[in-house]
Amino acid sequence: MDRPHIRVVSAEIARDGAYLITRRRADAVLPGLWEFPGGRVREGETDAEALARCLLDRVGERPDVGGAVLEVVHDYEAYRLTLIVLAASLRADQTPRPVNVAEVAWVAPDALGDYEFPGADQATVARLVAALD
């Protein structure tokens, strides 16, 4: 079976030792799960442009976007997903809020295991938790 291939980006944003995560809305794909904020890359967009657009849409703030820190390919039943995790930052005066997500949270790496993430995000969680060792 030839599945569609989707490219998405997500942000690894740290502040005071915690990472920004968002909870998917009830009407979203994989509803109620937590994820590192981001979204689909549109045709003609760079990964950085897509991430800036998606964060503004989802949490109401435009981040400063750095380079890629992780690439994950994950097969879901209906599609294959390539997730590019980009380092990003928000200024101290920027406060993410739930615009097109159900919730936002700042979570310490050792508490990420308390949140349920989609399969593709698990590699990011594992990377951040491993950094604690």
N, C-alpha and C. Protein backbone atom coordinates (compact mmCIF):
# COMPACT_ATOMS: atom_id res chain seq x y z
N MET A 1 0.84 -1.19 0.00
CA MET A 1 0.00 0.00 0.00
C MET A 1 0.88 1.24 0.00
N ASP A 2 0.58 2.16 -0.89
CA ASP A 2 1.34 3.39 -0.99
C ASP A 2 0.63 4.47 -0.19
N ARG A 3 1.20 4.80 0.95
CA ARG A 3 0.58 5.79 1.85
C ARG A 3 1.06 7.19 1.54
N PRO A 4 0.22 8.19 1.82
CA PRO A 4 0.68 9.58 1.68
C PRO A 4 1.84 9.85 2.64
N HIS A 5 2.73 10.75 2.23
CA HIS A 5 3.87 11.14 3.06
C HIS A 5 3.69 12.60 3.46
N ILE A 6 3.68 12.85 4.75
CA ILE A 6 3.43 14.19 5.29
C ILE A 6 4.69 14.67 6.00
N ARG A 7 5.08 15.91 5.75
CA ARG A 7 6.22 16.52 6.44
C ARG A 7 5.68 17.52 7.45
N VAL A 8 6.10 17.37 8.69
CA VAL A 8 5.70 18.29 9.74
C VAL A 8 6.93 18.76 10.50
N VAL A 9 6.76 19.89 11.16
CA VAL A 9 7.83 20.45 11.99
C VAL A 9 7.29 20.65 13.40
N SER A 10 8.18 20.56 14.37
CA SER A 10 7.80 20.90 15.73
C SER A 10 8.94 21.65 16.39
N ALA A 11 8.59 22.35 17.45
CA ALA A 11 9.54 23.23 18.13
C ALA A 11 10.00 22.63 19.45
N GLU A 12 11.29 22.69 19.68
CA GLU A 12 11.85 22.36 20.98
C GLU A 12 12.19 23.71 21.63
N ILE A 13 11.27 24.17 22.49
CA ILE A 13 11.40 25.48 23.13
C ILE A 13 11.56 25.27 24.63
N ALA A 14 12.68 25.72 25.16
CA ALA A 14 12.94 25.59 26.60
C ALA A 14 12.88 26.95 27.26
N ARG A 15 12.40 26.95 28.50
CA ARG A 15 12.39 28.16 29.33
C ARG A 15 12.47 27.71 30.79
N ASP A 16 13.47 28.20 31.49
CA ASP A 16 13.64 27.88 32.92
C ASP A 16 13.62 26.37 33.18
N GLY A 17 14.27 25.61 32.31
CA GLY A 17 14.39 24.18 32.52
C GLY A 17 13.17 23.36 32.12
N ALA A 18 12.16 23.99 31.53
CA ALA A 18 10.95 23.28 31.11
C ALA A 18 10.77 23.46 29.60
N TYR A 19 10.02 22.54 29.00
CA TYR A 19 9.76 22.58 27.56
C TYR A 19 8.29 22.86 27.30
N LEU A 20 8.03 23.63 26.25
CA LEU A 20 6.67 23.97 25.86
C LEU A 20 6.04 22.79 25.11
N ILE A 21 4.89 22.35 25.59
CA ILE A 21 4.10 21.35 24.89
C ILE A 21 2.67 21.85 24.78
N THR A 22 1.95 21.30 23.81
CA THR A 22 0.55 21.69 23.61
C THR A 22 -0.31 20.43 23.52
N ARG A 23 -1.57 20.59 23.88
CA ARG A 23 -2.51 19.47 23.82
C ARG A 23 -3.43 19.66 22.63
N ARG A 24 -3.59 18.61 21.86
CA ARG A 24 -4.46 18.67 20.68
C ARG A 24 -5.92 18.82 21.08
N ARG A 25 -6.65 19.58 20.27
CA ARG A 25 -8.07 19.77 20.51
C ARG A 25 -8.84 18.47 20.27
N ALA A 26 -10.05 18.40 20.80
CA ALA A 26 -10.89 17.21 20.67
C ALA A 26 -11.24 16.92 19.22
N ASP A 27 -11.27 17.93 18.35
CA ASP A 27 -11.63 17.73 16.95
C ASP A 27 -10.42 17.53 16.05
N ALA A 28 -9.22 17.40 16.62
CA ALA A 28 -7.99 17.23 15.84
C ALA A 28 -7.73 15.75 15.57
N VAL A 29 -6.81 15.50 14.65
CA VAL A 29 -6.29 14.14 14.46
C VAL A 29 -5.55 13.77 15.75
N LEU A 30 -5.69 12.55 16.21
CA LEU A 30 -5.08 12.11 17.48
C LEU A 30 -5.48 13.06 18.63
N PRO A 31 -6.79 13.22 18.85
CA PRO A 31 -7.29 14.20 19.82
C PRO A 31 -6.82 13.92 21.25
N GLY A 32 -6.58 15.03 21.96
CA GLY A 32 -6.24 14.95 23.38
C GLY A 32 -4.80 14.62 23.69
N LEU A 33 -4.03 14.22 22.68
CA LEU A 33 -2.62 13.91 22.94
C LEU A 33 -1.80 15.20 23.03
N TRP A 34 -0.70 15.11 23.74
CA TRP A 34 0.23 16.23 23.88
C TRP A 34 1.28 16.14 22.80
N GLU A 35 1.85 17.27 22.42
CA GLU A 35 2.89 17.29 21.40
C GLU A 35 3.74 18.54 21.57
N PHE A 36 4.89 18.50 20.94
CA PHE A 36 5.70 19.70 20.85
C PHE A 36 5.07 20.53 19.74
N PRO A 37 4.84 21.83 19.96
CA PRO A 37 4.03 22.61 19.02
C PRO A 37 4.65 22.69 17.64
N GLY A 38 3.77 22.67 16.65
CA GLY A 38 4.21 22.75 15.25
C GLY A 38 3.06 22.42 14.34
N GLY A 39 3.40 21.91 13.15
CA GLY A 39 2.37 21.56 12.18
C GLY A 39 2.96 21.19 10.84
N ARG A 40 2.07 21.06 9.87
CA ARG A 40 2.47 20.65 8.52
C ARG A 40 3.24 21.73 7.79
N VAL A 41 4.17 21.26 6.98
CA VAL A 41 4.91 22.15 6.09
C VAL A 41 4.12 22.23 4.79
N ARG A 42 3.80 23.45 4.38
CA ARG A 42 3.07 23.66 3.13
C ARG A 42 4.05 23.70 1.96
N GLU A 43 3.53 23.38 0.78
CA GLU A 43 4.36 23.42 -0.41
C GLU A 43 4.95 24.83 -0.58
N GLY A 44 6.25 24.88 -0.84
CA GLY A 44 6.94 26.15 -1.04
C GLY A 44 7.47 26.78 0.23
N GLU A 45 7.14 26.24 1.39
CA GLU A 45 7.62 26.76 2.67
C GLU A 45 8.91 26.06 3.09
N THR A 46 9.77 26.79 3.75
CA THR A 46 10.90 26.15 4.43
C THR A 46 10.39 25.61 5.76
N ASP A 47 11.17 24.74 6.36
CA ASP A 47 10.78 24.22 7.68
C ASP A 47 10.65 25.35 8.69
N ALA A 48 11.59 26.30 8.66
CA ALA A 48 11.56 27.42 9.61
C ALA A 48 10.33 28.30 9.39
N GLU A 49 9.98 28.56 8.14
CA GLU A 49 8.79 29.37 7.85
C GLU A 49 7.52 28.66 8.35
N ALA A 50 7.46 27.35 8.11
CA ALA A 50 6.30 26.59 8.55
C ALA A 50 6.17 26.62 10.07
N LEU A 51 7.30 26.46 10.77
CA LEU A 51 7.24 26.46 12.23
C LEU A 51 6.80 27.81 12.76
N ALA A 52 7.33 28.88 12.22
CA ALA A 52 6.92 30.22 12.68
C ALA A 52 5.43 30.44 12.45
N ARG A 53 4.92 30.04 11.28
CA ARG A 53 3.50 30.19 10.97
C ARG A 53 2.64 29.34 11.92
N CYS A 54 3.04 28.10 12.11
CA CYS A 54 2.24 27.19 12.95
C CYS A 54 2.21 27.63 14.41
N LEU A 55 3.32 28.12 14.93
CA LEU A 55 3.30 28.56 16.33
C LEU A 55 2.45 29.81 16.51
N LEU A 56 2.51 30.71 15.56
CA LEU A 56 1.66 31.89 15.64
C LEU A 56 0.19 31.47 15.62
N ASP A 57 -0.15 30.50 14.77
CA ASP A 57 -1.52 30.01 14.66
C ASP A 57 -1.97 29.25 15.91
N ARG A 58 -1.07 28.48 16.52
CA ARG A 58 -1.47 27.61 17.61
C ARG A 58 -1.32 28.22 19.01
N VAL A 59 -0.26 29.01 19.21
CA VAL A 59 -0.02 29.55 20.56
C VAL A 59 0.11 31.07 20.57
N GLY A 60 -0.15 31.71 19.43
CA GLY A 60 -0.21 33.16 19.38
C GLY A 60 1.12 33.89 19.47
N GLU A 61 2.21 33.18 19.28
CA GLU A 61 3.53 33.82 19.34
C GLU A 61 4.39 33.31 18.18
N ARG A 62 5.26 34.17 17.68
CA ARG A 62 6.19 33.81 16.60
C ARG A 62 7.57 33.60 17.22
N PRO A 63 8.11 32.38 17.12
CA PRO A 63 9.40 32.09 17.74
C PRO A 63 10.57 32.52 16.87
N ASP A 64 11.73 32.60 17.49
CA ASP A 64 12.98 32.65 16.75
C ASP A 64 13.34 31.19 16.48
N VAL A 65 13.54 30.84 15.22
CA VAL A 65 13.74 29.44 14.85
C VAL A 65 15.21 29.18 14.52
N GLY A 66 15.73 28.13 15.14
CA GLY A 66 17.10 27.72 14.88
C GLY A 66 17.14 26.50 13.97
N GLY A 67 18.18 25.72 14.11
CA GLY A 67 18.38 24.57 13.24
C GLY A 67 17.69 23.31 13.72
N ALA A 68 17.71 22.31 12.87
CA ALA A 68 17.11 21.02 13.18
C ALA A 68 17.93 20.30 14.23
N VAL A 69 17.25 19.70 15.20
CA VAL A 69 17.92 18.92 16.24
C VAL A 69 17.58 17.44 16.15
N LEU A 70 16.55 17.10 15.38
CA LEU A 70 16.12 15.70 15.29
C LEU A 70 15.22 15.54 14.08
N GLU A 71 15.35 14.40 13.40
CA GLU A 71 14.43 14.04 12.31
C GLU A 71 13.93 12.63 12.60
N VAL A 72 12.62 12.46 12.55
CA VAL A 72 11.98 11.19 12.84
C VAL A 72 11.06 10.83 11.69
N VAL A 73 11.15 9.60 11.21
CA VAL A 73 10.18 9.08 10.25
C VAL A 73 9.34 8.06 11.01
N HIS A 74 8.02 8.24 10.98
CA HIS A 74 7.12 7.37 11.73
C HIS A 74 5.97 6.96 10.84
N ASP A 75 5.68 5.67 10.83
CA ASP A 75 4.57 5.15 10.04
C ASP A 75 3.33 5.02 10.90
N TYR A 76 2.29 5.74 10.49
CA TYR A 76 0.97 5.56 11.06
C TYR A 76 0.19 4.67 10.09
N GLU A 77 -0.98 4.21 10.49
CA GLU A 77 -1.73 3.29 9.65
C GLU A 77 -2.03 3.88 8.28
N ALA A 78 -2.43 5.14 8.23
CA ALA A 78 -2.90 5.74 6.98
C ALA A 78 -1.84 6.57 6.26
N TYR A 79 -0.73 6.88 6.90
CA TYR A 79 0.26 7.74 6.26
C TYR A 79 1.63 7.58 6.90
N ARG A 80 2.64 8.05 6.20
CA ARG A 80 4.01 8.12 6.72
C ARG A 80 4.30 9.58 7.04
N LEU A 81 4.89 9.80 8.19
CA LEU A 81 5.16 11.15 8.64
C LEU A 81 6.66 11.36 8.84
N THR A 82 7.17 12.44 8.32
CA THR A 82 8.53 12.87 8.63
C THR A 82 8.41 14.09 9.52
N LEU A 83 8.94 13.97 10.72
CA LEU A 83 8.90 15.05 11.71
C LEU A 83 10.29 15.64 11.85
N ILE A 84 10.39 16.94 11.62
CA ILE A 84 11.63 17.67 11.81
C ILE A 84 11.47 18.51 13.08
N VAL A 85 12.30 18.26 14.07
CA VAL A 85 12.26 19.03 15.31
C VAL A 85 13.32 20.13 15.20
N LEU A 86 12.88 21.36 15.37
CA LEU A 86 13.76 22.52 15.27
C LEU A 86 13.93 23.19 16.63
N ALA A 87 15.14 23.58 16.93
CA ALA A 87 15.37 24.38 18.13
C ALA A 87 14.69 25.73 17.89
N ALA A 88 14.04 26.25 18.90
CA ALA A 88 13.37 27.54 18.78
C ALA A 88 13.36 28.20 20.15
N SER A 89 13.10 29.50 20.14
CA SER A 89 13.04 30.22 21.41
C SER A 89 11.98 31.30 21.33
N LEU A 90 11.49 31.66 22.49
CA LEU A 90 10.57 32.78 22.64
C LEU A 90 11.24 33.81 23.53
N ARG A 91 10.98 35.08 23.26
CA ARG A 91 11.50 36.13 24.13
C ARG A 91 10.80 36.07 25.49
N ALA A 92 11.41 36.63 26.49
CA ALA A 92 10.85 36.61 27.85
C ALA A 92 9.46 37.26 27.90
N ASP A 93 9.19 38.22 27.01
CA ASP A 93 7.90 38.90 27.03
C ASP A 93 6.83 38.18 26.21
N GLN A 94 7.17 37.06 25.59
CA GLN A 94 6.20 36.28 24.82
C GLN A 94 5.60 35.19 25.71
N THR A 95 4.28 35.12 25.73
CA THR A 95 3.58 34.14 26.55
C THR A 95 2.67 33.30 25.67
N PRO A 96 3.07 32.05 25.41
CA PRO A 96 2.20 31.20 24.59
C PRO A 96 0.88 30.94 25.29
N ARG A 97 -0.18 30.89 24.48
CA ARG A 97 -1.52 30.65 25.01
C ARG A 97 -2.26 29.73 24.04
N PRO A 98 -3.28 29.04 24.49
CA PRO A 98 -4.01 28.13 23.60
C PRO A 98 -4.91 28.89 22.63
N VAL A 99 -4.45 29.04 21.39
CA VAL A 99 -5.23 29.69 20.35
C VAL A 99 -5.96 28.62 19.53
N ASN A 100 -5.21 27.73 18.90
CA ASN A 100 -5.78 26.61 18.14
C ASN A 100 -5.30 25.28 18.69
N VAL A 101 -5.13 25.23 19.99
CA VAL A 101 -4.83 23.99 20.73
C VAL A 101 -5.69 24.02 21.98
N ALA A 102 -5.84 22.86 22.63
CA ALA A 102 -6.68 22.80 23.83
C ALA A 102 -5.99 23.41 25.04
N GLU A 103 -4.67 23.15 25.18
CA GLU A 103 -3.91 23.63 26.34
C GLU A 103 -2.45 23.82 25.96
N VAL A 104 -1.77 24.65 26.74
CA VAL A 104 -0.31 24.75 26.66
C VAL A 104 0.24 24.47 28.04
N ALA A 105 1.45 23.93 28.09
CA ALA A 105 2.08 23.65 29.38
C ALA A 105 3.59 23.74 29.23
N TRP A 106 4.24 24.16 30.29
CA TRP A 106 5.70 24.11 30.40
C TRP A 106 6.01 22.92 31.30
N VAL A 107 6.77 21.96 30.79
CA VAL A 107 6.98 20.71 31.51
C VAL A 107 8.47 20.39 31.59
N ALA A 108 8.92 20.04 32.80
CA ALA A 108 10.31 19.63 33.00
C ALA A 108 10.54 18.30 32.30
N PRO A 109 11.75 18.06 31.78
CA PRO A 109 12.01 16.81 31.06
C PRO A 109 11.66 15.55 31.86
N ASP A 110 11.92 15.56 33.17
CA ASP A 110 11.64 14.37 33.97
C ASP A 110 10.14 14.14 34.19
N ALA A 111 9.30 15.09 33.80
CA ALA A 111 7.84 14.93 33.94
C ALA A 111 7.16 14.65 32.60
N LEU A 112 7.92 14.64 31.50
CA LEU A 112 7.31 14.42 30.19
C LEU A 112 6.63 13.05 30.10
N GLY A 113 7.11 12.08 30.82
CA GLY A 113 6.51 10.75 30.82
C GLY A 113 5.10 10.73 31.38
N ASP A 114 4.70 11.79 32.06
CA ASP A 114 3.34 11.88 32.62
C ASP A 114 2.31 12.31 31.58
N TYR A 115 2.77 12.64 30.36
CA TYR A 115 1.90 13.13 29.30
C TYR A 115 1.89 12.11 28.16
N GLU A 116 0.74 11.94 27.53
CA GLU A 116 0.63 11.00 26.41
C GLU A 116 0.88 11.74 25.10
N PHE A 117 1.90 11.27 24.35
CA PHE A 117 2.32 11.87 23.09
C PHE A 117 2.04 10.93 21.93
N PRO A 118 1.85 11.47 20.71
CA PRO A 118 1.77 10.61 19.51
C PRO A 118 3.11 9.89 19.30
N GLY A 119 3.08 8.84 18.52
CA GLY A 119 4.27 8.04 18.29
C GLY A 119 5.47 8.82 17.79
N ALA A 120 5.27 9.72 16.84
CA ALA A 120 6.39 10.46 16.28
C ALA A 120 7.06 11.35 17.32
N ASP A 121 6.32 11.87 18.27
CA ASP A 121 6.87 12.75 19.30
C ASP A 121 7.66 11.99 20.36
N GLN A 122 7.48 10.68 20.44
CA GLN A 122 8.17 9.90 21.47
C GLN A 122 9.69 10.01 21.36
N ALA A 123 10.22 10.13 20.14
CA ALA A 123 11.67 10.25 19.97
C ALA A 123 12.18 11.55 20.58
N THR A 124 11.41 12.61 20.48
CA THR A 124 11.80 13.89 21.08
C THR A 124 11.78 13.78 22.60
N VAL A 125 10.74 13.15 23.12
CA VAL A 125 10.65 12.95 24.57
C VAL A 125 11.85 12.14 25.05
N ALA A 126 12.15 11.05 24.36
CA ALA A 126 13.28 10.20 24.75
C ALA A 126 14.60 10.97 24.71
N ARG A 127 14.77 11.82 23.69
CA ARG A 127 15.99 12.61 23.57
C ARG A 127 16.15 13.57 24.76
N LEU A 128 15.08 14.24 25.14
CA LEU A 128 15.14 15.20 26.23
C LEU A 128 15.34 14.52 27.58
N VAL A 129 14.68 13.38 27.77
CA VAL A 129 14.84 12.63 29.01
C VAL A 129 16.26 12.06 29.12
N ALA A 130 16.79 11.58 27.99
CA ALA A 130 18.16 11.02 27.98
C ALA A 130 19.19 12.09 28.34
N ALA A 131 18.91 13.33 28.00
CA ALA A 131 19.84 14.41 28.31
C ALA A 131 19.97 14.63 29.82
N LEU A 132 19.02 14.10 30.59
CA LEU A 132 19.08 14.24 32.04
C LEU A 132 20.13 13.32 32.66
N ASP A 133 20.42 12.21 31.96
CA ASP A 133 21.36 11.22 32.51
C ASP A 133 22.80 11.69 32.49
